[in-house]
Amino acid sequence: MPQTSSAKKALRSSQRRRVINDRWRGRLRASIKELKNAITAGQKTAALAAYPNAQKMIDRAARHHILTKQTAARKKSRFTQAIAKLA
């Protein structure tokens, strides 16, 4: 347990941030899962419909430092390529 007042405050802040980050991460995973399911099923129209939401969630996660900028860019690039390969 923290002893100093600043350490106690840091613990409270950390717990609040953890809850917020978990929510963002859950939303991100849900949107990516929806897009991946559409891609693996070969449904181009569903993938194109799910991509903007997934892209927005990836960008928001990067902005909130849940993902790094490079990871976000790589994910978006790979999803774009996968959608383009669908016939």
Protein backbone atom coordinates (compact mmCIF):
# COMPACT_ATOMS: atom_id res chain seq x y z
CA MET A 1 0.00 0.00 0.00
CA PRO A 2 1.20 3.52 -0.73
CA GLN A 3 2.49 5.49 2.22
CA THR A 4 2.80 9.09 1.04
CA SER A 5 -0.13 11.23 0.00
CA SER A 6 1.24 11.66 -3.51
CA ALA A 7 1.56 7.89 -3.89
CA LYS A 8 -2.03 7.45 -2.71
CA LYS A 9 -3.23 9.96 -5.27
CA ALA A 10 -1.17 8.27 -7.98
CA LEU A 11 -2.82 4.96 -7.11
CA ARG A 12 -6.31 6.50 -7.38
CA SER A 13 -5.44 8.11 -10.71
CA SER A 14 -3.98 4.87 -11.98
CA GLN A 15 -7.12 2.95 -11.09
CA ARG A 16 -9.35 5.49 -12.84
CA ARG A 17 -7.18 5.46 -15.97
CA ARG A 18 -7.17 1.65 -15.99
CA VAL A 19 -10.97 1.55 -16.10
CA ILE A 20 -11.09 4.12 -18.90
CA ASN A 21 -8.35 2.35 -20.89
CA ASP A 22 -10.12 -1.00 -20.48
CA ARG A 23 -13.28 0.50 -21.96
CA TRP A 24 -11.39 1.92 -24.95
CA ARG A 25 -9.55 -1.36 -25.45
CA GLY A 26 -12.82 -3.30 -25.36
CA ARG A 27 -14.43 -1.02 -27.95
CA LEU A 28 -11.33 -1.29 -30.12
CA ARG A 29 -11.29 -5.08 -29.94
CA ALA A 30 -15.00 -5.30 -30.76
CA SER A 31 -14.69 -3.12 -33.86
CA ILE A 32 -11.59 -4.99 -35.06
CA LYS A 33 -13.30 -8.34 -34.46
CA GLU A 34 -16.30 -7.25 -36.52
CA LEU A 35 -14.02 -6.20 -39.38
CA LYS A 36 -11.93 -9.40 -39.21
CA ASN A 37 -15.06 -11.56 -39.28
CA ALA A 38 -16.28 -9.77 -42.41
CA ILE A 39 -12.89 -10.16 -44.09
CA THR A 40 -12.53 -13.86 -43.25
CA ALA A 41 -16.08 -14.50 -44.45
CA GLY A 42 -15.18 -12.84 -47.74
CA GLN A 43 -17.96 -10.25 -47.45
CA LYS A 44 -16.53 -7.16 -49.11
CA THR A 45 -19.58 -4.97 -48.55
CA ALA A 46 -19.70 -5.84 -44.85
CA ALA A 47 -15.97 -5.24 -44.55
CA LEU A 48 -16.27 -1.86 -46.28
CA ALA A 49 -19.10 -0.96 -43.92
CA ALA A 50 -17.14 -2.02 -40.81
CA TYR A 51 -13.83 -0.45 -41.85
CA PRO A 52 -14.63 3.23 -41.09
CA ASN A 53 -15.70 2.37 -37.55
CA ALA A 54 -12.62 0.23 -36.98
CA GLN A 55 -10.39 2.93 -38.43
CA LYS A 56 -11.94 5.53 -36.15
CA MET A 57 -11.48 3.32 -33.10
CA ILE A 58 -7.85 2.58 -34.01
CA ASP A 59 -7.14 6.30 -34.41
CA ARG A 60 -8.82 7.10 -31.10
CA ALA A 61 -6.87 4.35 -29.34
CA ALA A 62 -3.64 5.79 -30.74
CA ARG A 63 -4.65 9.28 -29.66
CA HIS A 64 -5.33 8.02 -26.12
CA HIS A 65 -1.99 6.14 -26.05
CA ILE A 66 -3.62 2.72 -25.90
CA LEU A 67 -1.87 1.84 -29.16
CA THR A 68 1.28 3.43 -30.49
CA LYS A 69 1.02 5.47 -33.67
CA GLN A 70 3.05 2.89 -35.58
CA THR A 71 0.84 0.03 -34.45
CA ALA A 72 -2.27 1.96 -35.45
CA ALA A 73 -0.85 2.73 -38.88
CA ARG A 74 0.19 -0.89 -39.40
CA LYS A 75 -3.26 -2.21 -38.45
CA LYS A 76 -5.06 0.22 -40.76
CA SER A 77 -2.70 -0.59 -43.61
CA ARG A 78 -3.13 -4.34 -43.26
CA PHE A 79 -6.90 -4.06 -43.05
CA THR A 80 -6.95 -1.87 -46.18
CA GLN A 81 -4.86 -4.43 -48.05
CA ALA A 82 -7.03 -7.30 -46.88
CA ILE A 83 -10.21 -5.51 -48.02
CA ALA A 84 -8.63 -4.73 -51.39
CA LYS A 85 -7.83 -8.42 -51.92
CA LEU A 86 -11.49 -9.41 -51.52
CA ALA A 87 -13.20 -10.04 -54.83
